Amino acid sequence: GGEIKVGMSFEGKMVVIKITDTGIGISPKDLPHIFKRFYRVDKARSRASGGSGLGLSIAEQIAKSHKGEIRVESEVGKGSTFTVILPIAL
């Protein structure tokens, strides 16, 4: 029953991609760790239903390999916004 929005804009020589959801959000104590390999917020979920904890780590490495970055803002109960900033290839 949630919603996901994807948007893109240009800021100078950078492209900014925002992915926003209306999901459960991420607690402030977990935010500093979510880009670490194998880190999973919900430890009670099995790998079969909850993933391996690699997706955000891989996404961060892809952004960095393109001289960009990925950021997250989140509020528990309201959702999260992931922002990917990449240089425009000319």
PDB file of N, CA and C in Angstrom:
ATOM      1  N   GLY A   1       0.803  -1.210   0.000  1.00  0.00           N
ATOM      2  CA  GLY A   1       0.000   0.000   0.000  1.00  0.00           C
ATOM      3  C   GLY A   1       0.832   1.254   0.000  1.00  0.00           C
ATOM      4  N   GLY A   2       2.169   1.133  -0.116  1.00  0.00           N
ATOM      5  CA  GLY A   2       3.013   2.324  -0.105  1.00  0.00           C
ATOM      6  C   GLY A   2       3.182   2.900  -1.494  1.00  0.00           C
ATOM      7  N   GLU A   3       4.059   3.863  -1.568  1.00  0.00           N
ATOM      8  CA  GLU A   3       4.305   4.555  -2.829  1.00  0.00           C
ATOM      9  C   GLU A   3       5.797   4.788  -2.993  1.00  0.00           C
ATOM     10  N   ILE A   4       6.277   4.683  -4.222  1.00  0.00           N
ATOM     11  CA  ILE A   4       7.670   4.980  -4.544  1.00  0.00           C
ATOM     12  C   ILE A   4       7.672   6.009  -5.656  1.00  0.00           C
ATOM     13  N   LYS A   5       8.473   7.050  -5.473  1.00  0.00           N
ATOM     14  CA  LYS A   5       8.614   8.083  -6.497  1.00  0.00           C
ATOM     15  C   LYS A   5      10.076   8.170  -6.902  1.00  0.00           C
ATOM     16  N   VAL A   6      10.301   8.343  -8.198  1.00  0.00           N
ATOM     17  CA  VAL A   6      11.650   8.509  -8.720  1.00  0.00           C
ATOM     18  C   VAL A   6      11.674   9.808  -9.501  1.00  0.00           C
ATOM     19  N   GLY A   7      12.666  10.637  -9.225  1.00  0.00           N
ATOM     20  CA  GLY A   7      12.797  11.904  -9.933  1.00  0.00           C
ATOM     21  C   GLY A   7      14.243  12.186 -10.271  1.00  0.00           C
ATOM     22  N   MET A   8      14.432  13.076 -11.227  1.00  0.00           N
ATOM     23  CA  MET A   8      15.775  13.435 -11.660  1.00  0.00           C
ATOM     24  C   MET A   8      15.827  14.927 -11.926  1.00  0.00           C
ATOM     25  N   SER A   9      16.948  15.522 -11.581  1.00  0.00           N
ATOM     26  CA  SER A   9      17.163  16.935 -11.879  1.00  0.00           C
ATOM     27  C   SER A   9      18.641  17.143 -12.167  1.00  0.00           C
ATOM     28  N   PHE A  10      18.952  18.326 -12.662  1.00  0.00           N
ATOM     29  CA  PHE A  10      20.334  18.682 -12.944  1.00  0.00           C
ATOM     30  C   PHE A  10      20.728  19.831 -12.038  1.00  0.00           C
ATOM     31  N   GLU A  11      21.905  19.727 -11.448  1.00  0.00           N
ATOM     32  CA  GLU A  11      22.462  20.794 -10.608  1.00  0.00           C
ATOM     33  C   GLU A  11      23.886  21.031 -11.083  1.00  0.00           C
ATOM     34  N   GLY A  12      24.052  22.082 -11.858  1.00  0.00           N
ATOM     35  CA  GLY A  12      25.365  22.358 -12.429  1.00  0.00           C
ATOM     36  C   GLY A  12      25.784  21.233 -13.348  1.00  0.00           C
ATOM     37  N   LYS A  13      26.933  20.635 -13.064  1.00  0.00           N
ATOM     38  CA  LYS A  13      27.450  19.534 -13.884  1.00  0.00           C
ATOM     39  C   LYS A  13      27.145  18.175 -13.274  1.00  0.00           C
ATOM     40  N   MET A  14      26.113  18.141 -12.435  1.00  0.00           N
ATOM     41  CA  MET A  14      25.736  16.898 -11.765  1.00  0.00           C
ATOM     42  C   MET A  14      24.289  16.550 -12.095  1.00  0.00           C
ATOM     43  N   VAL A  15      24.011  15.242 -12.133  1.00  0.00           N
ATOM     44  CA  VAL A  15      22.635  14.766 -12.229  1.00  0.00           C
ATOM     45  C   VAL A  15      22.267  14.228 -10.850  1.00  0.00           C
ATOM     46  N   VAL A  16      21.072  14.586 -10.390  1.00  0.00           N
ATOM     47  CA  VAL A  16      20.609  14.190  -9.065  1.00  0.00           C
ATOM     48  C   VAL A  16      19.370  13.308  -9.238  1.00  0.00           C
ATOM     49  N   ILE A  17      19.476  12.084  -8.773  1.00  0.00           N
ATOM     50  CA  ILE A  17      18.374  11.127  -8.862  1.00  0.00           C
ATOM     51  C   ILE A  17      17.865  10.877  -7.447  1.00  0.00           C
ATOM     52  N   LYS A  18      16.552  11.071  -7.247  1.00  0.00           N
ATOM     53  CA  LYS A  18      15.957  10.853  -5.926  1.00  0.00           C
ATOM     54  C   LYS A  18      14.935   9.739  -6.003  1.00  0.00           C
ATOM     55  N   ILE A  19      15.045   8.804  -5.068  1.00  0.00           N
ATOM     56  CA  ILE A  19      14.098   7.711  -4.935  1.00  0.00           C
ATOM     57  C   ILE A  19      13.489   7.847  -3.547  1.00  0.00           C
ATOM     58  N   THR A  20      12.181   8.083  -3.501  1.00  0.00           N
ATOM     59  CA  THR A  20      11.484   8.310  -2.241  1.00  0.00           C
ATOM     60  C   THR A  20      10.407   7.258  -2.062  1.00  0.00           C
ATOM     61  N   ASP A  21      10.307   6.729  -0.841  1.00  0.00           N
ATOM     62  CA  ASP A  21       9.235   5.775  -0.553  1.00  0.00           C
ATOM     63  C   ASP A  21       8.452   6.215   0.674  1.00  0.00           C
ATOM     64  N   THR A  22       7.283   5.640   0.828  1.00  0.00           N
ATOM     65  CA  THR A  22       6.447   5.919   1.989  1.00  0.00           C
ATOM     66  C   THR A  22       6.421   4.702   2.909  1.00  0.00           C
ATOM     67  N   GLY A  23       7.557   4.022   2.986  1.00  0.00           N
ATOM     68  CA  GLY A  23       7.667   2.798   3.779  1.00  0.00           C
ATOM     69  C   GLY A  23       7.835   3.070   5.262  1.00  0.00           C
ATOM     70  N   ILE A  24       8.382   2.101   5.954  1.00  0.00           N
ATOM     71  CA  ILE A  24       8.484   2.162   7.419  1.00  0.00           C
ATOM     72  C   ILE A  24       9.594   3.088   7.899  1.00  0.00           C
ATOM     73  N   GLY A  25      10.502   3.460   7.017  1.00  0.00           N
ATOM     74  CA  GLY A  25      11.613   4.327   7.403  1.00  0.00           C
ATOM     75  C   GLY A  25      12.739   3.550   8.064  1.00  0.00           C
ATOM     76  N   ILE A  26      13.808   4.254   8.357  1.00  0.00           N
ATOM     77  CA  ILE A  26      15.005   3.662   8.959  1.00  0.00           C
ATOM     78  C   ILE A  26      15.319   4.448  10.219  1.00  0.00           C
ATOM     79  N   SER A  27      15.546   3.754  11.306  1.00  0.00           N
ATOM     80  CA  SER A  27      15.800   4.439  12.572  1.00  0.00           C
ATOM     81  C   SER A  27      17.139   5.174  12.545  1.00  0.00           C
ATOM     82  N   PRO A  28      17.243   6.266  13.293  1.00  0.00           N
ATOM     83  CA  PRO A  28      18.495   7.034  13.330  1.00  0.00           C
ATOM     84  C   PRO A  28      19.707   6.196  13.742  1.00  0.00           C
ATOM     85  N   LYS A  29      19.508   5.196  14.595  1.00  0.00           N
ATOM     86  CA  LYS A  29      20.646   4.369  15.033  1.00  0.00           C
ATOM     87  C   LYS A  29      21.166   3.472  13.914  1.00  0.00           C
ATOM     88  N   ASP A  30      20.304   3.150  12.955  1.00  0.00           N
ATOM     89  CA  ASP A  30      20.715   2.287  11.844  1.00  0.00           C
ATOM     90  C   ASP A  30      21.284   3.069  10.664  1.00  0.00           C
ATOM     91  N   LEU A  31      20.907   4.312  10.498  1.00  0.00           N
ATOM     92  CA  LEU A  31      21.323   5.091   9.328  1.00  0.00           C
ATOM     93  C   LEU A  31      22.826   5.112   9.072  1.00  0.00           C
ATOM     94  N   PRO A  32      23.679   5.260  10.088  1.00  0.00           N
ATOM     95  CA  PRO A  32      25.124   5.295   9.804  1.00  0.00           C
ATOM     96  C   PRO A  32      25.689   3.971   9.272  1.00  0.00           C
ATOM     97  N   HIS A  33      24.915   2.909   9.355  1.00  0.00           N
ATOM     98  CA  HIS A  33      25.429   1.580   9.019  1.00  0.00           C
ATOM     99  C   HIS A  33      24.856   0.972   7.736  1.00  0.00           C
ATOM    100  N   ILE A  34      23.814   1.557   7.157  1.00  0.00           N
ATOM    101  CA  ILE A  34      23.084   0.865   6.090  1.00  0.00           C
ATOM    102  C   ILE A  34      23.891   0.645   4.815  1.00  0.00           C
ATOM    103  N   PHE A  35      24.993   1.367   4.626  1.00  0.00           N
ATOM    104  CA  PHE A  35      25.816   1.161   3.433  1.00  0.00           C
ATOM    105  C   PHE A  35      26.955   0.174   3.680  1.00  0.00           C
ATOM    106  N   LYS A  36      27.025  -0.378   4.895  1.00  0.00           N
ATOM    107  CA  LYS A  36      28.049  -1.373   5.209  1.00  0.00           C
ATOM    108  C   LYS A  36      27.625  -2.728   4.656  1.00  0.00           C
ATOM    109  N   ARG A  37      28.608  -3.480   4.143  1.00  0.00           N
ATOM    110  CA  ARG A  37      28.318  -4.807   3.603  1.00  0.00           C
ATOM    111  C   ARG A  37      27.708  -5.713   4.661  1.00  0.00           C
ATOM    112  N   PHE A  38      26.684  -6.441   4.271  1.00  0.00           N
ATOM    113  CA  PHE A  38      25.990  -7.430   5.087  1.00  0.00           C
ATOM    114  C   PHE A  38      25.174  -6.840   6.236  1.00  0.00           C
ATOM    115  N   TYR A  39      25.072  -5.511   6.315  1.00  0.00           N
ATOM    116  CA  TYR A  39      24.266  -4.911   7.387  1.00  0.00           C
ATOM    117  C   TYR A  39      22.793  -4.992   7.008  1.00  0.00           C
ATOM    118  N   ARG A  40      22.005  -5.519   7.919  1.00  0.00           N
ATOM    119  CA  ARG A  40      20.556  -5.571   7.722  1.00  0.00           C
ATOM    120  C   ARG A  40      19.890  -4.933   8.915  1.00  0.00           C
ATOM    121  N   VAL A  41      18.957  -4.043   8.660  1.00  0.00           N
ATOM    122  CA  VAL A  41      18.281  -3.328   9.739  1.00  0.00           C
ATOM    123  C   VAL A  41      17.473  -4.291  10.590  1.00  0.00           C
ATOM    124  N   ASP A  42      16.697  -5.165   9.954  1.00  0.00           N
ATOM    125  CA  ASP A  42      15.850  -6.106  10.681  1.00  0.00           C
ATOM    126  C   ASP A  42      16.560  -7.445  10.792  1.00  0.00           C
ATOM    127  N   LYS A  43      17.238  -7.661  11.909  1.00  0.00           N
ATOM    128  CA  LYS A  43      18.018  -8.883  12.107  1.00  0.00           C
ATOM    129  C   LYS A  43      17.134 -10.127  12.202  1.00  0.00           C
ATOM    130  N   ALA A  44      15.850  -9.949  12.490  1.00  0.00           N
ATOM    131  CA  ALA A  44      14.949 -11.085  12.657  1.00  0.00           C
ATOM    132  C   ALA A  44      14.564 -11.712  11.319  1.00  0.00           C
ATOM    133  N   ARG A  45      14.737 -10.987  10.222  1.00  0.00           N
ATOM    134  CA  ARG A  45      14.359 -11.522   8.906  1.00  0.00           C
ATOM    135  C   ARG A  45      15.428 -12.483   8.411  1.00  0.00           C
ATOM    136  N   SER A  46      14.993 -13.542   7.794  1.00  0.00           N
ATOM    137  CA  SER A  46      15.948 -14.494   7.229  1.00  0.00           C
ATOM    138  C   SER A  46      16.470 -13.964   5.902  1.00  0.00           C
ATOM    139  N   ARG A  47      17.587 -14.508   5.445  1.00  0.00           N
ATOM    140  CA  ARG A  47      18.121 -14.107   4.134  1.00  0.00           C
ATOM    141  C   ARG A  47      17.124 -14.399   3.035  1.00  0.00           C
ATOM    142  N   ALA A  48      16.330 -15.448   3.204  1.00  0.00           N
ATOM    143  CA  ALA A  48      15.365 -15.823   2.162  1.00  0.00           C
ATOM    144  C   ALA A  48      14.320 -14.730   1.949  1.00  0.00           C
ATOM    145  N   SER A  49      13.940 -14.036   2.995  1.00  0.00           N
ATOM    146  CA  SER A  49      12.898 -13.007   2.853  1.00  0.00           C
ATOM    147  C   SER A  49      13.424 -11.590   2.979  1.00  0.00           C
ATOM    148  N   GLY A  50      14.635 -11.422   3.468  1.00  0.00           N
ATOM    149  CA  GLY A  50      15.108 -10.078   3.752  1.00  0.00           C
ATOM    150  C   GLY A  50      16.367  -9.637   3.041  1.00  0.00           C
ATOM    151  N   GLY A  51      16.886 -10.432   2.129  1.00  0.00           N
ATOM    152  CA  GLY A  51      18.086 -10.045   1.402  1.00  0.00           C
ATOM    153  C   GLY A  51      19.354 -10.367   2.165  1.00  0.00           C
ATOM    154  N   SER A  52      20.471 -10.071   1.531  1.00  0.00           N
ATOM    155  CA  SER A  52      21.772 -10.422   2.110  1.00  0.00           C
ATOM    156  C   SER A  52      22.471  -9.239   2.769  1.00  0.00           C
ATOM    157  N   GLY A  53      21.916  -8.047   2.626  1.00  0.00           N
ATOM    158  CA  GLY A  53      22.574  -6.877   3.176  1.00  0.00           C
ATOM    159  C   GLY A  53      23.664  -6.330   2.271  1.00  0.00           C
ATOM    160  N   LEU A  54      23.611  -6.659   0.992  1.00  0.00           N
ATOM    161  CA  LEU A  54      24.636  -6.194   0.062  1.00  0.00           C
ATOM    162  C   LEU A  54      24.169  -5.080  -0.879  1.00  0.00           C
ATOM    163  N   GLY A  55      22.875  -4.945  -1.087  1.00  0.00           N
ATOM    164  CA  GLY A  55      22.349  -4.030  -2.104  1.00  0.00           C
ATOM    165  C   GLY A  55      22.811  -2.592  -1.970  1.00  0.00           C
ATOM    166  N   LEU A  56      22.691  -2.013  -0.791  1.00  0.00           N
ATOM    167  CA  LEU A  56      23.087  -0.614  -0.615  1.00  0.00           C
ATOM    168  C   LEU A  56      24.596  -0.442  -0.670  1.00  0.00           C
ATOM    169  N   SER A  57      25.334  -1.441  -0.215  1.00  0.00           N
ATOM    170  CA  SER A  57      26.787  -1.394  -0.314  1.00  0.00           C
ATOM    171  C   SER A  57      27.223  -1.385  -1.777  1.00  0.00           C
ATOM    172  N   ILE A  58      26.581  -2.228  -2.578  1.00  0.00           N
ATOM    173  CA  ILE A  58      26.886  -2.269  -4.012  1.00  0.00           C
ATOM    174  C   ILE A  58      26.499  -0.949  -4.671  1.00  0.00           C
ATOM    175  N   ALA A  59      25.329  -0.426  -4.340  1.00  0.00           N
ATOM    176  CA  ALA A  59      24.881   0.853  -4.912  1.00  0.00           C
ATOM    177  C   ALA A  59      25.874   1.970  -4.592  1.00  0.00           C
ATOM    178  N   GLU A  60      26.370   1.980  -3.359  1.00  0.00           N
ATOM    179  CA  GLU A  60      27.341   3.009  -2.974  1.00  0.00           C
ATOM    180  C   GLU A  60      28.638   2.863  -3.768  1.00  0.00           C
ATOM    181  N   GLN A  61      29.097   1.631  -3.955  1.00  0.00           N
ATOM    182  CA  GLN A  61      30.334   1.405  -4.707  1.00  0.00           C
ATOM    183  C   GLN A  61      30.180   1.797  -6.174  1.00  0.00           C
ATOM    184  N   ILE A  62      29.018   1.540  -6.749  1.00  0.00           N
ATOM    185  CA  ILE A  62      28.759   1.952  -8.130  1.00  0.00           C
ATOM    186  C   ILE A  62      28.800   3.473  -8.239  1.00  0.00           C
ATOM    187  N   ALA A  63      28.127   4.157  -7.320  1.00  0.00           N
ATOM    188  CA  ALA A  63      28.132   5.630  -7.340  1.00  0.00           C
ATOM    189  C   ALA A  63      29.561   6.154  -7.205  1.00  0.00           C
ATOM    190  N   LYS A  64      30.324   5.619  -6.263  1.00  0.00           N
ATOM    191  CA  LYS A  64      31.706   6.069  -6.067  1.00  0.00           C
ATOM    192  C   LYS A  64      32.582   5.792  -7.283  1.00  0.00           C
ATOM    193  N   SER A  65      32.351   4.649  -7.937  1.00  0.00           N
ATOM    194  CA  SER A  65      33.171   4.319  -9.103  1.00  0.00           C
ATOM    195  C   SER A  65      32.919   5.280 -10.263  1.00  0.00           C
ATOM    196  N   HIS A  66      31.789   5.961 -10.225  1.00  0.00           N
ATOM    197  CA  HIS A  66      31.468   6.968 -11.243  1.00  0.00           C
ATOM    198  C   HIS A  66      31.708   8.388 -10.719  1.00  0.00           C
ATOM    199  N   LYS A  67      32.500   8.481  -9.641  1.00  0.00           N
ATOM    200  CA  LYS A  67      32.847   9.760  -9.005  1.00  0.00           C
ATOM    201  C   LYS A  67      31.619  10.493  -8.473  1.00  0.00           C
ATOM    202  N   GLY A  68      30.684   9.707  -7.951  1.00  0.00           N
ATOM    203  CA  GLY A  68      29.465  10.261  -7.385  1.00  0.00           C
ATOM    204  C   GLY A  68      29.295   9.839  -5.944  1.00  0.00           C
ATOM    205  N   GLU A  69      28.085   9.986  -5.460  1.00  0.00           N
ATOM    206  CA  GLU A  69      27.792   9.607  -4.082  1.00  0.00           C
ATOM    207  C   GLU A  69      26.325   9.253  -3.948  1.00  0.00           C
ATOM    208  N   ILE A  70      26.003   8.595  -2.842  1.00  0.00           N
ATOM    209  CA  ILE A  70      24.618   8.267  -2.514  1.00  0.00           C
ATOM    210  C   ILE A  70      24.386   8.691  -1.073  1.00  0.00           C
ATOM    211  N   ARG A  71      23.223   9.293  -0.840  1.00  0.00           N
ATOM    212  CA  ARG A  71      22.860   9.776   0.501  1.00  0.00           C
ATOM    213  C   ARG A  71      21.480   9.239   0.852  1.00  0.00           C
ATOM    214  N   VAL A  72      21.171   9.241   2.139  1.00  0.00           N
ATOM    215  CA  VAL A  72      19.844   8.814   2.570  1.00  0.00           C
ATOM    216  C   VAL A  72      19.338   9.754   3.663  1.00  0.00           C
ATOM    217  N   GLU A  73      18.055  10.026   3.593  1.00  0.00           N
ATOM    218  CA  GLU A  73      17.319  10.715   4.657  1.00  0.00           C
ATOM    219  C   GLU A  73      16.132   9.830   4.964  1.00  0.00           C
ATOM    220  N   SER A  74      15.825   9.645   6.246  1.00  0.00           N
ATOM    221  CA  SER A  74      14.727   8.754   6.581  1.00  0.00           C
ATOM    222  C   SER A  74      14.093   9.171   7.898  1.00  0.00           C
ATOM    223  N   GLU A  75      12.807   8.884   7.985  1.00  0.00           N
ATOM    224  CA  GLU A  75      12.077   9.124   9.218  1.00  0.00           C
ATOM    225  C   GLU A  75      11.206   7.899   9.481  1.00  0.00           C
ATOM    226  N   VAL A  76      11.347   7.343  10.669  1.00  0.00           N
ATOM    227  CA  VAL A  76      10.588   6.146  11.026  1.00  0.00           C
ATOM    228  C   VAL A  76       9.098   6.448  10.906  1.00  0.00           C
ATOM    229  N   GLY A  77       8.399   5.555  10.235  1.00  0.00           N
ATOM    230  CA  GLY A  77       6.959   5.697  10.066  1.00  0.00           C
ATOM    231  C   GLY A  77       6.546   6.564   8.889  1.00  0.00           C
ATOM    232  N   LYS A  78       7.506   7.224   8.253  1.00  0.00           N
ATOM    233  CA  LYS A  78       7.168   8.112   7.132  1.00  0.00           C
ATOM    234  C   LYS A  78       7.842   7.730   5.824  1.00  0.00           C
ATOM    235  N   GLY A  79       8.990   7.078   5.886  1.00  0.00           N
ATOM    236  CA  GLY A  79       9.662   6.664   4.666  1.00  0.00           C
ATOM    237  C   GLY A  79      11.077   7.177   4.545  1.00  0.00           C
ATOM    238  N   SER A  80      11.660   6.933   3.368  1.00  0.00           N
ATOM    239  CA  SER A  80      13.065   7.256   3.124  1.00  0.00           C
ATOM    240  C   SER A  80      13.234   7.896   1.755  1.00  0.00           C
ATOM    241  N   THR A  81      14.281   8.702   1.643  1.00  0.00           N
ATOM    242  CA  THR A  81      14.683   9.255   0.358  1.00  0.00           C
ATOM    243  C   THR A  81      16.158   8.958   0.156  1.00  0.00           C
ATOM    244  N   PHE A  82      16.459   8.267  -0.939  1.00  0.00           N
ATOM    245  CA  PHE A  82      17.833   8.014  -1.335  1.00  0.00           C
ATOM    246  C   PHE A  82      18.153   8.956  -2.481  1.00  0.00           C
ATOM    247  N   THR A  83      19.272   9.641  -2.375  1.00  0.00           N
ATOM    248  CA  THR A  83      19.703  10.594  -3.395  1.00  0.00           C
ATOM    249  C   THR A  83      21.030  10.123  -3.973  1.00  0.00           C
ATOM    250  N   VAL A  84      21.046   9.944  -5.289  1.00  0.00           N
ATOM    251  CA  VAL A  84      22.259   9.555  -5.994  1.00  0.00           C
ATOM    252  C   VAL A  84      22.709  10.759  -6.796  1.00  0.00           C
ATOM    253  N   ILE A  85      23.963  11.186  -6.601  1.00  0.00           N
ATOM    254  CA  ILE A  85      24.514  12.351  -7.304  1.00  0.00           C
ATOM    255  C   ILE A  85      25.685  11.879  -8.143  1.00  0.00           C
ATOM    256  N   LEU A  86      25.580  12.134  -9.452  1.00  0.00           N
ATOM    257  CA  LEU A  86      26.607  11.678 -10.378  1.00  0.00           C
ATOM    258  C   LEU A  86      27.014  12.819 -11.312  1.00  0.00           C
ATOM    259  N   PRO A  87      28.297  12.869 -11.668  1.00  0.00           N
ATOM    260  CA  PRO A  87      28.712  13.885 -12.642  1.00  0.00           C
ATOM    261  C   PRO A  87      28.154  13.544 -14.013  1.00  0.00           C
ATOM    262  N   ILE A  88      27.839  14.581 -14.766  1.00  0.00           N
ATOM    263  CA  ILE A  88      27.353  14.402 -16.136  1.00  0.00           C
ATOM    264  C   ILE A  88      28.552  14.143 -17.036  1.00  0.00           C
ATOM    265  N   ALA A  89      28.508  13.059 -17.772  1.00  0.00           N
ATOM    266  CA  ALA A  89      29.584  12.742 -18.718  1.00  0.00           C
ATOM    267  C   ALA A  89      29.428  13.622 -19.950  1.00  0.00           C
ATOM    268  N   LEU A  90      30.491  14.286 -20.323  1.00  0.00           N
ATOM    269  CA  LEU A  90      30.435  15.156 -21.513  1.00  0.00           C
ATOM    270  C   LEU A  90      31.285  14.592 -22.618  1.00  0.00           C
TER     271      LEU A  90
END
